[in-house]
Amino acid sequence: MVVGLEYTTNRADWQRNCTSSGIRVYWVVSEVKQINEPVATRGSAYQRVHAWLLARENSRYASIMAPRKRALFADLEGTILELGPGGGHNFRFFSPTVHWIGIEPNSCTHPYLRAQAAREGISAEIRPGRAEEIPAPDGMVDAVIGTLVLCSVSDPQRVLREILRVLKPGGTFAFIEHVAAPEETGMRMVQRMIRPIWKAIAGGCHPDRETWHLLERAGFEDLTIDHFKVSVAFIAPHIAGLGTKPRRPSP
């Protein structure tokens, strides 16, 4: 998660941007997911602002990620479950034949998600819930999607177990995450130094989480992980890939 702050003294500008007096907030990376936050039944001011921000998309980051999302998501079929869909910026990469289920704890995002799904012609169902306790029965879905989610959950191992639980045998987990920079690099040192304050201001986001190791140990078959960089401050290192739930249970 990356958030920028820009000071403004224009009250009309503040009202348009739904922020606290004197500060305008903007995304550097728009697809921020806070799937570990408590389920919202009545939106707080923070949740309303967060939902408004998630509905806006950073065009530069989106254009960089679009080819990867298209390659990962275009062939997914059947019932798709997305963790922390935020503003619904992945809808345009799905086949219109899928049935989409979104697990989103912030109820303030739900109107944005419904509107975006309608624009893209996607059959959509939104469920409040958390990634650590996905509200879906065992073996229900054909695919699970997570983009910039595992960086901020409190227990990523538990989330991965939940993903495997709800997937059908042979089902697919498609993911894009920002991750830790290599050890002994300047960027890794910066990530480590800013982690405490960044977690506090960015919804629990860990800039130095070695998510690829968690994926490798989670129990997926045919796991592919592509490491790449995006020019976004100290979260430049990213991974993207696919994993398959084993068709037969482990002995």
C-alpha atoms as a PDB file:
ATOM      1  CA  MET A   1       0.000   0.000   0.000  1.00  0.00           C
ATOM      2  CA  VAL A   2       1.285   3.471  -0.897  1.00  0.00           C
ATOM      3  CA  VAL A   3      -0.433   6.645   0.160  1.00  0.00           C
ATOM      4  CA  GLY A   4       0.629  10.208  -0.634  1.00  0.00           C
ATOM      5  CA  LEU A   5      -0.344  13.340   1.254  1.00  0.00           C
ATOM      6  CA  GLU A   6      -0.638  16.770  -0.315  1.00  0.00           C
ATOM      7  CA  TYR A   7      -1.502  19.867   1.699  1.00  0.00           C
ATOM      8  CA  THR A   8      -4.243  22.194   0.503  1.00  0.00           C
ATOM      9  CA  THR A   9      -5.997  25.200   2.037  1.00  0.00           C
ATOM     10  CA  ASN A  10      -8.881  25.165  -0.446  1.00  0.00           C
ATOM     11  CA  ARG A  11     -11.989  23.990   1.427  1.00  0.00           C
ATOM     12  CA  ALA A  12     -13.950  23.304  -1.764  1.00  0.00           C
ATOM     13  CA  ASP A  13     -11.067  21.131  -2.920  1.00  0.00           C
ATOM     14  CA  TRP A  14     -11.135  19.348   0.448  1.00  0.00           C
ATOM     15  CA  GLN A  15     -14.868  18.682   0.137  1.00  0.00           C
ATOM     16  CA  ARG A  16     -14.467  17.242  -3.357  1.00  0.00           C
ATOM     17  CA  ASN A  17     -11.773  14.887  -2.126  1.00  0.00           C
ATOM     18  CA  CYS A  18     -13.599  13.729   1.051  1.00  0.00           C
ATOM     19  CA  THR A  19     -10.627  14.301   3.334  1.00  0.00           C
ATOM     20  CA  SER A  20      -9.946  15.934   6.670  1.00  0.00           C
ATOM     21  CA  SER A  21      -9.481  19.702   6.666  1.00  0.00           C
ATOM     22  CA  GLY A  22      -6.294  20.921   5.084  1.00  0.00           C
ATOM     23  CA  ILE A  23      -5.065  17.640   3.592  1.00  0.00           C
ATOM     24  CA  ARG A  24      -5.756  16.011   0.247  1.00  0.00           C
ATOM     25  CA  VAL A  25      -4.967  12.312  -0.046  1.00  0.00           C
ATOM     26  CA  TYR A  26      -4.136  10.643  -3.333  1.00  0.00           C
ATOM     27  CA  TRP A  27      -3.062   7.161  -4.434  1.00  0.00           C
ATOM     28  CA  VAL A  28       0.364   6.429  -5.780  1.00  0.00           C
ATOM     29  CA  VAL A  29      -0.817   2.846  -6.029  1.00  0.00           C
ATOM     30  CA  SER A  30      -4.585   2.654  -6.279  1.00  0.00           C
ATOM     31  CA  GLU A  31      -5.250  -1.022  -5.678  1.00  0.00           C
ATOM     32  CA  VAL A  32      -4.748  -0.989  -1.942  1.00  0.00           C
ATOM     33  CA  LYS A  33      -6.444  -3.815  -0.063  1.00  0.00           C
ATOM     34  CA  GLN A  34      -7.075  -3.794   3.676  1.00  0.00           C
ATOM     35  CA  ILE A  35      -8.727  -7.183   3.879  1.00  0.00           C
ATOM     36  CA  ASN A  36      -7.652  -7.646   7.496  1.00  0.00           C
ATOM     37  CA  GLU A  37      -9.687  -4.698   8.825  1.00  0.00           C
ATOM     38  CA  PRO A  38     -12.817  -5.443  10.910  1.00  0.00           C
ATOM     39  CA  VAL A  39     -15.962  -5.939   8.881  1.00  0.00           C
ATOM     40  CA  ALA A  40     -17.744  -2.600   8.547  1.00  0.00           C
ATOM     41  CA  THR A  41     -21.455  -2.511   9.188  1.00  0.00           C
ATOM     42  CA  ARG A  42     -21.693   1.289   9.340  1.00  0.00           C
ATOM     43  CA  GLY A  43     -18.951   3.147   7.564  1.00  0.00           C
ATOM     44  CA  SER A  44     -16.659   5.311   9.655  1.00  0.00           C
ATOM     45  CA  ALA A  45     -15.195   8.473   8.165  1.00  0.00           C
ATOM     46  CA  TYR A  46     -11.963   6.591   7.497  1.00  0.00           C
ATOM     47  CA  GLN A  47     -13.807   3.742   5.751  1.00  0.00           C
ATOM     48  CA  ARG A  48     -15.750   6.166   3.572  1.00  0.00           C
ATOM     49  CA  VAL A  49     -12.595   8.002   2.536  1.00  0.00           C
ATOM     50  CA  HIS A  50     -10.781   4.719   1.975  1.00  0.00           C
ATOM     51  CA  ALA A  51     -13.616   3.476  -0.250  1.00  0.00           C
ATOM     52  CA  TRP A  52     -13.604   6.717  -2.223  1.00  0.00           C
ATOM     53  CA  LEU A  53      -9.874   6.430  -2.768  1.00  0.00           C
ATOM     54  CA  LEU A  54     -10.090   2.790  -3.810  1.00  0.00           C
ATOM     55  CA  ALA A  55     -12.654   3.700  -6.447  1.00  0.00           C
ATOM     56  CA  ARG A  56     -10.055   5.944  -8.114  1.00  0.00           C
ATOM     57  CA  GLU A  57      -7.353   4.286 -10.182  1.00  0.00           C
ATOM     58  CA  ASN A  58      -3.767   5.401 -10.714  1.00  0.00           C
ATOM     59  CA  SER A  59      -3.525   5.317 -14.504  1.00  0.00           C
ATOM     60  CA  ARG A  60       0.253   4.886 -14.631  1.00  0.00           C
ATOM     61  CA  TYR A  61       0.327   1.887 -12.309  1.00  0.00           C
ATOM     62  CA  ALA A  62      -2.772   0.434 -13.969  1.00  0.00           C
ATOM     63  CA  SER A  63      -1.195   0.631 -17.424  1.00  0.00           C
ATOM     64  CA  ILE A  64       1.934  -1.132 -16.170  1.00  0.00           C
ATOM     65  CA  MET A  65      -0.035  -3.946 -14.550  1.00  0.00           C
ATOM     66  CA  ALA A  66      -2.690  -4.393 -17.249  1.00  0.00           C
ATOM     67  CA  PRO A  67      -0.743  -6.871 -19.442  1.00  0.00           C
ATOM     68  CA  ARG A  68       0.040  -9.069 -16.436  1.00  0.00           C
ATOM     69  CA  LYS A  69      -3.551  -8.994 -15.210  1.00  0.00           C
ATOM     70  CA  ARG A  70      -4.828  -9.816 -18.665  1.00  0.00           C
ATOM     71  CA  ALA A  71      -2.497 -12.810 -18.885  1.00  0.00           C
ATOM     72  CA  LEU A  72      -3.415 -14.059 -15.389  1.00  0.00           C
ATOM     73  CA  PHE A  73      -7.179 -13.475 -15.358  1.00  0.00           C
ATOM     74  CA  ALA A  74      -8.503 -13.684 -18.926  1.00  0.00           C
ATOM     75  CA  ASP A  75      -8.762 -17.494 -19.029  1.00  0.00           C
ATOM     76  CA  LEU A  76     -10.363 -17.936 -15.594  1.00  0.00           C
ATOM     77  CA  GLU A  77     -13.812 -19.504 -15.793  1.00  0.00           C
ATOM     78  CA  GLY A  78     -16.703 -20.495 -13.562  1.00  0.00           C
ATOM     79  CA  THR A  79     -16.986 -19.019 -10.062  1.00  0.00           C
ATOM     80  CA  ILE A  80     -14.225 -16.580  -9.134  1.00  0.00           C
ATOM     81  CA  LEU A  81     -13.645 -15.346  -5.590  1.00  0.00           C
ATOM     82  CA  GLU A  82     -11.625 -12.146  -5.173  1.00  0.00           C
ATOM     83  CA  LEU A  83     -10.124 -11.106  -1.849  1.00  0.00           C
ATOM     84  CA  GLY A  84     -10.238  -7.384  -1.108  1.00  0.00           C
ATOM     85  CA  PRO A  85     -11.512  -6.200  -4.513  1.00  0.00           C
ATOM     86  CA  GLY A  86     -11.354  -2.558  -3.393  1.00  0.00           C
ATOM     87  CA  GLY A  87     -12.624  -0.394  -6.249  1.00  0.00           C
ATOM     88  CA  GLY A  88     -13.280  -3.266  -8.664  1.00  0.00           C
ATOM     89  CA  HIS A  89     -10.425  -2.449 -11.025  1.00  0.00           C
ATOM     90  CA  ASN A  90      -9.971  -6.104 -12.004  1.00  0.00           C
ATOM     91  CA  PHE A  91     -13.460  -6.556 -13.478  1.00  0.00           C
ATOM     92  CA  ARG A  92     -12.421  -5.536 -16.972  1.00  0.00           C
ATOM     93  CA  PHE A  93      -9.956  -8.422 -17.157  1.00  0.00           C
ATOM     94  CA  PHE A  94     -12.552 -11.139 -16.481  1.00  0.00           C
ATOM     95  CA  SER A  95     -14.632 -13.060 -18.975  1.00  0.00           C
ATOM     96  CA  PRO A  96     -18.260 -11.836 -18.882  1.00  0.00           C
ATOM     97  CA  THR A  97     -19.336 -15.454 -18.354  1.00  0.00           C
ATOM     98  CA  VAL A  98     -17.847 -15.747 -14.844  1.00  0.00           C
ATOM     99  CA  HIS A  99     -19.747 -15.475 -11.584  1.00  0.00           C
ATOM    100  CA  TRP A 100     -17.717 -13.198  -9.315  1.00  0.00           C
ATOM    101  CA  ILE A 101     -17.762 -13.228  -5.501  1.00  0.00           C
ATOM    102  CA  GLY A 102     -15.953 -10.433  -3.689  1.00  0.00           C
ATOM    103  CA  ILE A 103     -14.856 -10.653  -0.047  1.00  0.00           C
ATOM    104  CA  GLU A 104     -14.693  -7.041   1.108  1.00  0.00           C
ATOM    105  CA  PRO A 105     -14.886  -5.988   4.780  1.00  0.00           C
ATOM    106  CA  ASN A 106     -15.423  -2.293   4.069  1.00  0.00           C
ATOM    107  CA  SER A 107     -19.116  -1.944   3.257  1.00  0.00           C
ATOM    108  CA  CYS A 108     -18.488   1.579   1.929  1.00  0.00           C
ATOM    109  CA  THR A 109     -16.835   0.053  -1.143  1.00  0.00           C
ATOM    110  CA  HIS A 110     -19.852  -2.103  -1.994  1.00  0.00           C
ATOM    111  CA  PRO A 111     -21.784   0.526  -4.021  1.00  0.00           C
ATOM    112  CA  TYR A 112     -18.661   1.230  -6.095  1.00  0.00           C
ATOM    113  CA  LEU A 113     -18.171  -2.497  -6.696  1.00  0.00           C
ATOM    114  CA  ARG A 114     -21.784  -3.046  -7.767  1.00  0.00           C
ATOM    115  CA  ALA A 115     -21.633  -0.108 -10.176  1.00  0.00           C
ATOM    116  CA  GLN A 116     -18.327  -1.243 -11.665  1.00  0.00           C
ATOM    117  CA  ALA A 117     -19.561  -4.830 -12.080  1.00  0.00           C
ATOM    118  CA  ALA A 118     -22.682  -3.573 -13.852  1.00  0.00           C
ATOM    119  CA  ARG A 119     -20.586  -1.460 -16.221  1.00  0.00           C
ATOM    120  CA  GLU A 120     -18.467  -4.488 -17.128  1.00  0.00           C
ATOM    121  CA  GLY A 121     -21.433  -6.864 -17.388  1.00  0.00           C
ATOM    122  CA  ILE A 122     -20.178  -9.160 -14.606  1.00  0.00           C
ATOM    123  CA  SER A 123     -22.485 -11.282 -12.459  1.00  0.00           C
ATOM    124  CA  ALA A 124     -21.376 -10.130  -9.010  1.00  0.00           C
ATOM    125  CA  GLU A 125     -21.986 -11.053  -5.388  1.00  0.00           C
ATOM    126  CA  ILE A 126     -20.371  -9.155  -2.502  1.00  0.00           C
ATOM    127  CA  ARG A 127     -19.831 -10.732   0.903  1.00  0.00           C
ATOM    128  CA  PRO A 128     -18.501  -8.940   3.983  1.00  0.00           C
ATOM    129  CA  GLY A 129     -15.711 -10.905   5.557  1.00  0.00           C
ATOM    130  CA  ARG A 130     -12.001 -11.326   6.168  1.00  0.00           C
ATOM    131  CA  ALA A 131      -9.361 -13.240   4.226  1.00  0.00           C
ATOM    132  CA  GLU A 132      -8.413 -15.182   7.368  1.00  0.00           C
ATOM    133  CA  GLU A 133     -11.981 -16.540   7.563  1.00  0.00           C
ATOM    134  CA  ILE A 134     -13.368 -16.607   4.032  1.00  0.00           C
ATOM    135  CA  PRO A 135     -17.187 -16.863   4.175  1.00  0.00           C
ATOM    136  CA  ALA A 136     -17.489 -19.717   1.679  1.00  0.00           C
ATOM    137  CA  PRO A 137     -17.793 -23.498   1.987  1.00  0.00           C
ATOM    138  CA  ASP A 138     -15.012 -25.953   1.196  1.00  0.00           C
ATOM    139  CA  GLY A 139     -14.289 -26.588  -2.482  1.00  0.00           C
ATOM    140  CA  MET A 140     -16.766 -23.987  -3.738  1.00  0.00           C
ATOM    141  CA  VAL A 141     -14.868 -21.854  -6.270  1.00  0.00           C
ATOM    142  CA  ASP A 142     -12.932 -22.427  -9.478  1.00  0.00           C
ATOM    143  CA  ALA A 143     -10.448 -19.614  -8.870  1.00  0.00           C
ATOM    144  CA  VAL A 144      -9.302 -17.182  -6.179  1.00  0.00           C
ATOM    145  CA  ILE A 145      -7.722 -13.827  -7.000  1.00  0.00           C
ATOM    146  CA  GLY A 146      -5.594 -11.637  -4.759  1.00  0.00           C
ATOM    147  CA  THR A 147      -3.893  -8.442  -5.891  1.00  0.00           C
ATOM    148  CA  LEU A 148      -1.928  -6.512  -3.265  1.00  0.00           C
ATOM    149  CA  VAL A 149      -3.642  -8.415  -0.466  1.00  0.00           C
ATOM    150  CA  LEU A 150      -1.059 -10.664   1.204  1.00  0.00           C
ATOM    151  CA  CYS A 151       1.091  -7.655   2.096  1.00  0.00           C
ATOM    152  CA  SER A 152      -1.441  -6.408   4.644  1.00  0.00           C
ATOM    153  CA  VAL A 153      -3.162  -9.432   6.163  1.00  0.00           C
ATOM    154  CA  SER A 154      -2.203 -10.241   9.740  1.00  0.00           C
ATOM    155  CA  ASP A 155      -1.719 -13.983   9.129  1.00  0.00           C
ATOM    156  CA  PRO A 156      -0.772 -14.732   5.504  1.00  0.00           C
ATOM    157  CA  GLN A 157      -0.234 -18.455   6.163  1.00  0.00           C
ATOM    158  CA  ARG A 158      -3.799 -18.738   7.426  1.00  0.00           C
ATOM    159  CA  VAL A 159      -5.067 -16.808   4.397  1.00  0.00           C
ATOM    160  CA  LEU A 160      -3.304 -19.222   2.053  1.00  0.00           C
ATOM    161  CA  ARG A 161      -4.831 -22.184   3.901  1.00  0.00           C
ATOM    162  CA  GLU A 162      -8.252 -20.575   3.502  1.00  0.00           C
ATOM    163  CA  ILE A 163      -7.634 -20.073  -0.219  1.00  0.00           C
ATOM    164  CA  LEU A 164      -6.800 -23.761  -0.631  1.00  0.00           C
ATOM    165  CA  ARG A 165      -9.857 -24.708   1.415  1.00  0.00           C
ATOM    166  CA  VAL A 166     -12.397 -22.832  -0.735  1.00  0.00           C
ATOM    167  CA  LEU A 167     -10.841 -23.832  -4.076  1.00  0.00           C
ATOM    168  CA  LYS A 168     -12.130 -26.864  -5.916  1.00  0.00           C
ATOM    169  CA  PRO A 169      -9.492 -29.571  -6.554  1.00  0.00           C
ATOM    170  CA  GLY A 170      -7.535 -28.334  -9.552  1.00  0.00           C
ATOM    171  CA  GLY A 171      -8.703 -24.750  -8.935  1.00  0.00           C
ATOM    172  CA  THR A 172      -6.429 -21.754  -9.520  1.00  0.00           C
ATOM    173  CA  PHE A 173      -5.024 -19.053  -7.275  1.00  0.00           C
ATOM    174  CA  ALA A 174      -3.930 -15.987  -9.286  1.00  0.00           C
ATOM    175  CA  PHE A 175      -1.915 -13.328  -7.480  1.00  0.00           C
ATOM    176  CA  ILE A 176       0.019 -10.069  -7.811  1.00  0.00           C
ATOM    177  CA  GLU A 177       1.866  -8.749  -4.756  1.00  0.00           C
ATOM    178  CA  HIS A 178       4.554  -6.254  -3.850  1.00  0.00           C
ATOM    179  CA  VAL A 179       7.288  -7.973  -1.847  1.00  0.00           C
ATOM    180  CA  ALA A 180      10.579  -7.520  -0.029  1.00  0.00           C
ATOM    181  CA  ALA A 181      13.641  -6.369  -1.908  1.00  0.00           C
ATOM    182  CA  PRO A 182      16.658  -8.722  -1.937  1.00  0.00           C
ATOM    183  CA  GLU A 183      18.637  -8.951   1.294  1.00  0.00           C
ATOM    184  CA  GLU A 184      21.710  -6.752   1.672  1.00  0.00           C
ATOM    185  CA  THR A 185      20.312  -4.085  -0.661  1.00  0.00           C
ATOM    186  CA  GLY A 186      19.644  -0.460   0.108  1.00  0.00           C
ATOM    187  CA  MET A 187      15.952  -0.831  -0.692  1.00  0.00           C
ATOM    188  CA  ARG A 188      15.585  -3.744   1.737  1.00  0.00           C
ATOM    189  CA  MET A 189      17.174  -1.631   4.458  1.00  0.00           C
ATOM    190  CA  VAL A 190      14.745   1.207   3.738  1.00  0.00           C
ATOM    191  CA  GLN A 191      11.797  -1.209   3.758  1.00  0.00           C
ATOM    192  CA  ARG A 192      12.873  -2.573   7.126  1.00  0.00           C
ATOM    193  CA  MET A 193      13.354   0.893   8.613  1.00  0.00           C
ATOM    194  CA  ILE A 194       9.963   2.247   7.539  1.00  0.00           C
ATOM    195  CA  ARG A 195       7.976  -0.911   8.316  1.00  0.00           C
ATOM    196  CA  PRO A 196       6.678   0.122  11.798  1.00  0.00           C
ATOM    197  CA  ILE A 197       5.331   3.502  10.731  1.00  0.00           C
ATOM    198  CA  TRP A 198       4.170   2.175   7.361  1.00  0.00           C
ATOM    199  CA  LYS A 199       2.111  -0.563   9.008  1.00  0.00           C
ATOM    200  CA  ALA A 200       0.474   2.071  11.188  1.00  0.00           C
ATOM    201  CA  ILE A 201      -0.488   4.452   8.386  1.00  0.00           C
ATOM    202  CA  ALA A 202      -1.075   1.944   5.583  1.00  0.00           C
ATOM    203  CA  GLY A 203      -3.539  -0.537   7.028  1.00  0.00           C
ATOM    204  CA  GLY A 204      -1.019  -3.099   8.269  1.00  0.00           C
ATOM    205  CA  CYS A 205       0.935  -3.241   5.002  1.00  0.00           C
ATOM    206  CA  HIS A 206       4.358  -4.921   5.253  1.00  0.00           C
ATOM    207  CA  PRO A 207       6.759  -3.470   2.671  1.00  0.00           C
ATOM    208  CA  ASP A 208       9.346  -6.211   3.356  1.00  0.00           C
ATOM    209  CA  ARG A 209       7.249  -9.389   3.411  1.00  0.00           C
ATOM    210  CA  GLU A 210       8.866 -12.374   1.609  1.00  0.00           C
ATOM    211  CA  THR A 211       5.561 -13.542   0.214  1.00  0.00           C
ATOM    212  CA  TRP A 212       7.088 -15.848  -2.383  1.00  0.00           C
ATOM    213  CA  HIS A 213       8.464 -18.098   0.382  1.00  0.00           C
ATOM    214  CA  LEU A 214       4.995 -18.345   1.935  1.00  0.00           C
ATOM    215  CA  LEU A 215       3.530 -19.341  -1.427  1.00  0.00           C
ATOM    216  CA  GLU A 216       6.221 -21.959  -1.991  1.00  0.00           C
ATOM    217  CA  ARG A 217       5.397 -23.614   1.337  1.00  0.00           C
ATOM    218  CA  ALA A 218       1.600 -23.299   1.117  1.00  0.00           C
ATOM    219  CA  GLY A 219       0.923 -26.550  -0.759  1.00  0.00           C
ATOM    220  CA  PHE A 220       0.060 -25.427  -4.300  1.00  0.00           C
ATOM    221  CA  GLU A 221       0.868 -27.562  -7.332  1.00  0.00           C
ATOM    222  CA  ASP A 222       2.294 -26.150 -10.560  1.00  0.00           C
ATOM    223  CA  LEU A 223       3.237 -22.921  -8.792  1.00  0.00           C
ATOM    224  CA  THR A 224       4.700 -20.234 -11.043  1.00  0.00           C
ATOM    225  CA  ILE A 225       6.143 -17.027  -9.582  1.00  0.00           C
ATOM    226  CA  ASP A 226       7.488 -14.212 -11.746  1.00  0.00           C
ATOM    227  CA  HIS A 227       9.632 -11.580 -10.000  1.00  0.00           C
ATOM    228  CA  PHE A 228       9.623  -8.102 -11.545  1.00  0.00           C
ATOM    229  CA  LYS A 229       9.984  -4.437 -10.599  1.00  0.00           C
ATOM    230  CA  VAL A 230       7.662  -1.460 -10.846  1.00  0.00           C
ATOM    231  CA  SER A 231       8.891   2.097 -10.417  1.00  0.00           C
ATOM    232  CA  VAL A 232       6.948   2.848  -7.237  1.00  0.00           C
ATOM    233  CA  ALA A 233       9.116   4.127  -4.389  1.00  0.00           C
ATOM    234  CA  PHE A 234      10.183   1.420  -1.940  1.00  0.00           C
ATOM    235  CA  ILE A 235       7.649  -1.205  -3.057  1.00  0.00           C
ATOM    236  CA  ALA A 236       9.191  -1.668  -6.487  1.00  0.00           C
ATOM    237  CA  PRO A 237       9.745  -5.456  -6.166  1.00  0.00           C
ATOM    238  CA  HIS A 238       6.651  -7.398  -7.221  1.00  0.00           C
ATOM    239  CA  ILE A 239       5.644 -10.971  -7.903  1.00  0.00           C
ATOM    240  CA  ALA A 240       2.852 -12.392 -10.054  1.00  0.00           C
ATOM    241  CA  GLY A 241       1.820 -15.927 -10.758  1.00  0.00           C
ATOM    242  CA  LEU A 242      -0.524 -18.875 -10.516  1.00  0.00           C
ATOM    243  CA  GLY A 243      -0.882 -21.841  -8.201  1.00  0.00           C
ATOM    244  CA  THR A 244      -3.116 -24.911  -8.450  1.00  0.00           C
ATOM    245  CA  LYS A 245      -4.889 -26.720  -5.631  1.00  0.00           C
ATOM    246  CA  PRO A 246      -3.835 -30.392  -5.697  1.00  0.00           C
ATOM    247  CA  ARG A 247      -6.393 -32.629  -7.376  1.00  0.00           C
ATOM    248  CA  ARG A 248      -5.812 -35.308  -4.795  1.00  0.00           C
ATOM    249  CA  PRO A 249      -5.309 -34.754  -1.064  1.00  0.00           C
ATOM    250  CA  SER A 250      -1.807 -35.266   0.273  1.00  0.00           C
ATOM    251  CA  PRO A 251      -1.254 -38.775   1.737  1.00  0.00           C
END
